[in-house]
Amino acid sequence: MSNLRKTIREREWTQEEAAKVLNIGQSRVSDLMRGKWEKFSLDMLITLAIRVGKRIGITVV
């Protein structure tokens, strides 16, 4: 989640622009930017990361 917030800030997207890229509502982007962890499943965070072009790796220890 913090990586997604960082990407949005680095790309200087407004919440509306981020919502279009992520294919979610602006209110969900607001939740993301405010760090409301409980509102996002792991699956959703992975999906959003992929939508901004991030590569996902999972390590089980």
PDB file of N, CA and C in Angstrom:
ATOM      1  N   MET A   1       0.821  -1.181   0.000  1.00  0.00           N
ATOM      2  CA  MET A   1       0.000   0.000   0.000  1.00  0.00           C
ATOM      3  C   MET A   1       0.869   1.251   0.000  1.00  0.00           C
ATOM      4  N   SER A   2       1.896   1.254   0.804  1.00  0.00           N
ATOM      5  CA  SER A   2       2.770   2.434   0.849  1.00  0.00           C
ATOM      6  C   SER A   2       3.473   2.636  -0.484  1.00  0.00           C
ATOM      7  N   ASN A   3       3.802   1.545  -1.161  1.00  0.00           N
ATOM      8  CA  ASN A   3       4.443   1.647  -2.472  1.00  0.00           C
ATOM      9  C   ASN A   3       3.481   2.248  -3.502  1.00  0.00           C
ATOM     10  N   LEU A   4       2.219   1.887  -3.432  1.00  0.00           N
ATOM     11  CA  LEU A   4       1.223   2.473  -4.333  1.00  0.00           C
ATOM     12  C   LEU A   4       1.073   3.968  -4.073  1.00  0.00           C
ATOM     13  N   ARG A   5       1.013   4.353  -2.814  1.00  0.00           N
ATOM     14  CA  ARG A   5       0.915   5.780  -2.473  1.00  0.00           C
ATOM     15  C   ARG A   5       2.133   6.533  -2.986  1.00  0.00           C
ATOM     16  N   LYS A   6       3.290   5.947  -2.817  1.00  0.00           N
ATOM     17  CA  LYS A   6       4.530   6.574  -3.279  1.00  0.00           C
ATOM     18  C   LYS A   6       4.498   6.755  -4.795  1.00  0.00           C
ATOM     19  N   THR A   7       4.045   5.739  -5.514  1.00  0.00           N
ATOM     20  CA  THR A   7       3.964   5.819  -6.978  1.00  0.00           C
ATOM     21  C   THR A   7       3.023   6.934  -7.416  1.00  0.00           C
ATOM     22  N   ILE A   8       1.876   7.032  -6.775  1.00  0.00           N
ATOM     23  CA  ILE A   8       0.903   8.082  -7.118  1.00  0.00           C
ATOM     24  C   ILE A   8       1.514   9.459  -6.884  1.00  0.00           C
ATOM     25  N   ARG A   9       2.205   9.627  -5.779  1.00  0.00           N
ATOM     26  CA  ARG A   9       2.845  10.918  -5.484  1.00  0.00           C
ATOM     27  C   ARG A   9       3.967  11.225  -6.474  1.00  0.00           C
ATOM     28  N   GLU A  10       4.808  10.229  -6.764  1.00  0.00           N
ATOM     29  CA  GLU A  10       5.929  10.439  -7.688  1.00  0.00           C
ATOM     30  C   GLU A  10       5.447  10.834  -9.084  1.00  0.00           C
ATOM     31  N   ARG A  11       4.351  10.230  -9.498  1.00  0.00           N
ATOM     32  CA  ARG A  11       3.808  10.531 -10.833  1.00  0.00           C
ATOM     33  C   ARG A  11       2.928  11.777 -10.826  1.00  0.00           C
ATOM     34  N   GLU A  12       2.780  12.370  -9.642  1.00  0.00           N
ATOM     35  CA  GLU A  12       2.026  13.612  -9.447  1.00  0.00           C
ATOM     36  C   GLU A  12       0.603  13.522  -9.990  1.00  0.00           C
ATOM     37  N   TRP A  13      -0.013  12.363  -9.770  1.00  0.00           N
ATOM     38  CA  TRP A  13      -1.393  12.171 -10.185  1.00  0.00           C
ATOM     39  C   TRP A  13      -2.328  12.796  -9.163  1.00  0.00           C
ATOM     40  N   THR A  14      -3.411  13.374  -9.661  1.00  0.00           N
ATOM     41  CA  THR A  14      -4.502  13.750  -8.773  1.00  0.00           C
ATOM     42  C   THR A  14      -5.223  12.460  -8.392  1.00  0.00           C
ATOM     43  N   GLN A  15      -6.100  12.536  -7.420  1.00  0.00           N
ATOM     44  CA  GLN A  15      -6.859  11.344  -7.058  1.00  0.00           C
ATOM     45  C   GLN A  15      -7.746  10.902  -8.219  1.00  0.00           C
ATOM     46  N   GLU A  16      -8.258  11.841  -8.984  1.00  0.00           N
ATOM     47  CA  GLU A  16      -9.085  11.492 -10.148  1.00  0.00           C
ATOM     48  C   GLU A  16      -8.261  10.770 -11.210  1.00  0.00           C
ATOM     49  N   GLU A  17      -7.040  11.257 -11.465  1.00  0.00           N
ATOM     50  CA  GLU A  17      -6.165  10.604 -12.446  1.00  0.00           C
ATOM     51  C   GLU A  17      -5.798   9.196 -11.984  1.00  0.00           C
ATOM     52  N   ALA A  18      -5.456   9.071 -10.713  1.00  0.00           N
ATOM     53  CA  ALA A  18      -5.111   7.755 -10.167  1.00  0.00           C
ATOM     54  C   ALA A  18      -6.294   6.809 -10.257  1.00  0.00           C
ATOM     55  N   ALA A  19      -7.486   7.314  -9.985  1.00  0.00           N
ATOM     56  CA  ALA A  19      -8.691   6.487 -10.055  1.00  0.00           C
ATOM     57  C   ALA A  19      -8.884   5.927 -11.465  1.00  0.00           C
ATOM     58  N   LYS A  20      -8.640   6.742 -12.479  1.00  0.00           N
ATOM     59  CA  LYS A  20      -8.784   6.282 -13.865  1.00  0.00           C
ATOM     60  C   LYS A  20      -7.763   5.188 -14.187  1.00  0.00           C
ATOM     61  N   VAL A  21      -6.516   5.414 -13.802  1.00  0.00           N
ATOM     62  CA  VAL A  21      -5.464   4.427 -14.072  1.00  0.00           C
ATOM     63  C   VAL A  21      -5.733   3.127 -13.314  1.00  0.00           C
ATOM     64  N   LEU A  22      -6.148   3.244 -12.079  1.00  0.00           N
ATOM     65  CA  LEU A  22      -6.369   2.071 -11.233  1.00  0.00           C
ATOM     66  C   LEU A  22      -7.723   1.411 -11.469  1.00  0.00           C
ATOM     67  N   ASN A  23      -8.588   2.112 -12.195  1.00  0.00           N
ATOM     68  CA  ASN A  23      -9.934   1.612 -12.488  1.00  0.00           C
ATOM     69  C   ASN A  23     -10.739   1.381 -11.205  1.00  0.00           C
ATOM     70  N   ILE A  24     -10.640   2.366 -10.313  1.00  0.00           N
ATOM     71  CA  ILE A  24     -11.411   2.359  -9.069  1.00  0.00           C
ATOM     72  C   ILE A  24     -11.992   3.758  -8.876  1.00  0.00           C
ATOM     73  N   GLY A  25     -12.883   3.913  -7.928  1.00  0.00           N
ATOM     74  CA  GLY A  25     -13.462   5.216  -7.644  1.00  0.00           C
ATOM     75  C   GLY A  25     -12.489   6.126  -6.917  1.00  0.00           C
ATOM     76  N   GLN A  26     -12.714   7.417  -7.034  1.00  0.00           N
ATOM     77  CA  GLN A  26     -11.860   8.405  -6.373  1.00  0.00           C
ATOM     78  C   GLN A  26     -11.881   8.219  -4.860  1.00  0.00           C
ATOM     79  N   SER A  27     -13.021   7.818  -4.314  1.00  0.00           N
ATOM     80  CA  SER A  27     -13.092   7.612  -2.861  1.00  0.00           C
ATOM     81  C   SER A  27     -12.182   6.462  -2.415  1.00  0.00           C
ATOM     82  N   ARG A  28     -12.015   5.459  -3.276  1.00  0.00           N
ATOM     83  CA  ARG A  28     -11.098   4.349  -2.955  1.00  0.00           C
ATOM     84  C   ARG A  28      -9.650   4.832  -2.992  1.00  0.00           C
ATOM     85  N   VAL A  29      -9.340   5.733  -3.931  1.00  0.00           N
ATOM     86  CA  VAL A  29      -7.989   6.311  -3.978  1.00  0.00           C
ATOM     87  C   VAL A  29      -7.747   7.098  -2.695  1.00  0.00           C
ATOM     88  N   SER A  30      -8.758   7.831  -2.250  1.00  0.00           N
ATOM     89  CA  SER A  30      -8.639   8.579  -0.999  1.00  0.00           C
ATOM     90  C   SER A  30      -8.343   7.636   0.164  1.00  0.00           C
ATOM     91  N   ASP A  31      -9.053   6.510   0.226  1.00  0.00           N
ATOM     92  CA  ASP A  31      -8.786   5.510   1.268  1.00  0.00           C
ATOM     93  C   ASP A  31      -7.347   5.017   1.183  1.00  0.00           C
ATOM     94  N   LEU A  32      -6.889   4.769  -0.027  1.00  0.00           N
ATOM     95  CA  LEU A  32      -5.522   4.296  -0.243  1.00  0.00           C
ATOM     96  C   LEU A  32      -4.512   5.333   0.246  1.00  0.00           C
ATOM     97  N   MET A  33      -4.725   6.588  -0.134  1.00  0.00           N
ATOM     98  CA  MET A  33      -3.790   7.647   0.225  1.00  0.00           C
ATOM     99  C   MET A  33      -3.789   7.934   1.726  1.00  0.00           C
ATOM    100  N   ARG A  34      -4.883   7.655   2.394  1.00  0.00           N
ATOM    101  CA  ARG A  34      -4.973   7.865   3.845  1.00  0.00           C
ATOM    102  C   ARG A  34      -4.490   6.656   4.636  1.00  0.00           C
ATOM    103  N   GLY A  35      -4.095   5.587   3.916  1.00  0.00           N
ATOM    104  CA  GLY A  35      -3.560   4.413   4.591  1.00  0.00           C
ATOM    105  C   GLY A  35      -4.590   3.582   5.314  1.00  0.00           C
ATOM    106  N   LYS A  36      -5.797   3.569   4.813  1.00  0.00           N
ATOM    107  CA  LYS A  36      -6.857   2.779   5.448  1.00  0.00           C
ATOM    108  C   LYS A  36      -6.722   1.312   5.044  1.00  0.00           C
ATOM    109  N   TRP A  37      -5.781   0.638   5.678  1.00  0.00           N
ATOM    110  CA  TRP A  37      -5.402  -0.740   5.361  1.00  0.00           C
ATOM    111  C   TRP A  37      -6.591  -1.697   5.369  1.00  0.00           C
ATOM    112  N   GLU A  38      -7.483  -1.516   6.325  1.00  0.00           N
ATOM    113  CA  GLU A  38      -8.578  -2.460   6.509  1.00  0.00           C
ATOM    114  C   GLU A  38      -9.567  -2.469   5.351  1.00  0.00           C
ATOM    115  N   LYS A  39      -9.506  -1.494   4.484  1.00  0.00           N
ATOM    116  CA  LYS A  39     -10.458  -1.413   3.371  1.00  0.00           C
ATOM    117  C   LYS A  39      -9.966  -2.123   2.108  1.00  0.00           C
ATOM    118  N   PHE A  40      -8.752  -2.694   2.150  1.00  0.00           N
ATOM    119  CA  PHE A  40      -8.171  -3.326   0.972  1.00  0.00           C
ATOM    120  C   PHE A  40      -7.709  -4.744   1.277  1.00  0.00           C
ATOM    121  N   SER A  41      -8.143  -5.659   0.439  1.00  0.00           N
ATOM    122  CA  SER A  41      -7.658  -7.029   0.566  1.00  0.00           C
ATOM    123  C   SER A  41      -6.287  -7.130  -0.101  1.00  0.00           C
ATOM    124  N   LEU A  42      -5.576  -8.181   0.217  1.00  0.00           N
ATOM    125  CA  LEU A  42      -4.285  -8.422  -0.428  1.00  0.00           C
ATOM    126  C   LEU A  42      -4.477  -8.553  -1.936  1.00  0.00           C
ATOM    127  N   ASP A  43      -5.516  -9.257  -2.350  1.00  0.00           N
ATOM    128  CA  ASP A  43      -5.792  -9.413  -3.783  1.00  0.00           C
ATOM    129  C   ASP A  43      -5.966  -8.067  -4.467  1.00  0.00           C
ATOM    130  N   MET A  44      -6.704  -7.163  -3.845  1.00  0.00           N
ATOM    131  CA  MET A  44      -6.935  -5.849  -4.436  1.00  0.00           C
ATOM    132  C   MET A  44      -5.643  -5.051  -4.521  1.00  0.00           C
ATOM    133  N   LEU A  45      -4.823  -5.096  -3.482  1.00  0.00           N
ATOM    134  CA  LEU A  45      -3.554  -4.370  -3.519  1.00  0.00           C
ATOM    135  C   LEU A  45      -2.635  -4.899  -4.613  1.00  0.00           C
ATOM    136  N   ILE A  46      -2.623  -6.211  -4.805  1.00  0.00           N
ATOM    137  CA  ILE A  46      -1.825  -6.796  -5.883  1.00  0.00           C
ATOM    138  C   ILE A  46      -2.357  -6.331  -7.232  1.00  0.00           C
ATOM    139  N   THR A  47      -3.665  -6.347  -7.408  1.00  0.00           N
ATOM    140  CA  THR A  47      -4.283  -5.897  -8.654  1.00  0.00           C
ATOM    141  C   THR A  47      -3.924  -4.443  -8.943  1.00  0.00           C
ATOM    142  N   LEU A  48      -4.015  -3.593  -7.942  1.00  0.00           N
ATOM    143  CA  LEU A  48      -3.707  -2.178  -8.135  1.00  0.00           C
ATOM    144  C   LEU A  48      -2.233  -1.972  -8.471  1.00  0.00           C
ATOM    145  N   ALA A  49      -1.364  -2.715  -7.815  1.00  0.00           N
ATOM    146  CA  ALA A  49       0.067  -2.610  -8.108  1.00  0.00           C
ATOM    147  C   ALA A  49       0.358  -3.001  -9.554  1.00  0.00           C
ATOM    148  N   ILE A  50      -0.275  -4.047 -10.016  1.00  0.00           N
ATOM    149  CA  ILE A  50      -0.090  -4.476 -11.409  1.00  0.00           C
ATOM    150  C   ILE A  50      -0.599  -3.403 -12.362  1.00  0.00           C
ATOM    151  N   ARG A  51      -1.700  -2.760 -12.033  1.00  0.00           N
ATOM    152  CA  ARG A  51      -2.274  -1.726 -12.899  1.00  0.00           C
ATOM    153  C   ARG A  51      -1.368  -0.516 -13.060  1.00  0.00           C
ATOM    154  N   VAL A  52      -0.495  -0.257 -12.084  1.00  0.00           N
ATOM    155  CA  VAL A  52       0.452   0.843 -12.228  1.00  0.00           C
ATOM    156  C   VAL A  52       1.805   0.361 -12.755  1.00  0.00           C
ATOM    157  N   GLY A  53       1.877  -0.913 -13.126  1.00  0.00           N
ATOM    158  CA  GLY A  53       3.084  -1.435 -13.763  1.00  0.00           C
ATOM    159  C   GLY A  53       4.116  -2.032 -12.826  1.00  0.00           C
ATOM    160  N   LYS A  54       3.720  -2.315 -11.617  1.00  0.00           N
ATOM    161  CA  LYS A  54       4.654  -2.931 -10.661  1.00  0.00           C
ATOM    162  C   LYS A  54       4.717  -4.433 -10.874  1.00  0.00           C
ATOM    163  N   ARG A  55       5.860  -5.014 -10.588  1.00  0.00           N
ATOM    164  CA  ARG A  55       6.026  -6.461 -10.601  1.00  0.00           C
ATOM    165  C   ARG A  55       5.816  -6.956  -9.178  1.00  0.00           C
ATOM    166  N   ILE A  56       5.163  -8.082  -9.059  1.00  0.00           N
ATOM    167  CA  ILE A  56       4.824  -8.622  -7.745  1.00  0.00           C
ATOM    168  C   ILE A  56       5.649  -9.877  -7.486  1.00  0.00           C
ATOM    169  N   GLY A  57       6.210  -9.962  -6.301  1.00  0.00           N
ATOM    170  CA  GLY A  57       6.913 -11.152  -5.867  1.00  0.00           C
ATOM    171  C   GLY A  57       6.451 -11.501  -4.464  1.00  0.00           C
ATOM    172  N   ILE A  58       6.241 -12.775  -4.230  1.00  0.00           N
ATOM    173  CA  ILE A  58       5.791 -13.222  -2.918  1.00  0.00           C
ATOM    174  C   ILE A  58       6.789 -14.238  -2.389  1.00  0.00           C
ATOM    175  N   THR A  59       7.230 -14.005  -1.169  1.00  0.00           N
ATOM    176  CA  THR A  59       8.172 -14.914  -0.526  1.00  0.00           C
ATOM    177  C   THR A  59       7.529 -15.447   0.740  1.00  0.00           C
ATOM    178  N   VAL A  60       7.542 -16.750   0.897  1.00  0.00           N
ATOM    179  CA  VAL A  60       7.016 -17.382   2.094  1.00  0.00           C
ATOM    180  C   VAL A  60       8.199 -17.890   2.899  1.00  0.00           C
ATOM    181  N   VAL A  61       8.227 -17.520   4.161  1.00  0.00           N
ATOM    182  CA  VAL A  61       9.347 -17.900   5.022  1.00  0.00           C
ATOM    183  C   VAL A  61       8.849 -18.817   6.108  1.00  0.00           C
TER     184      VAL A  61
END
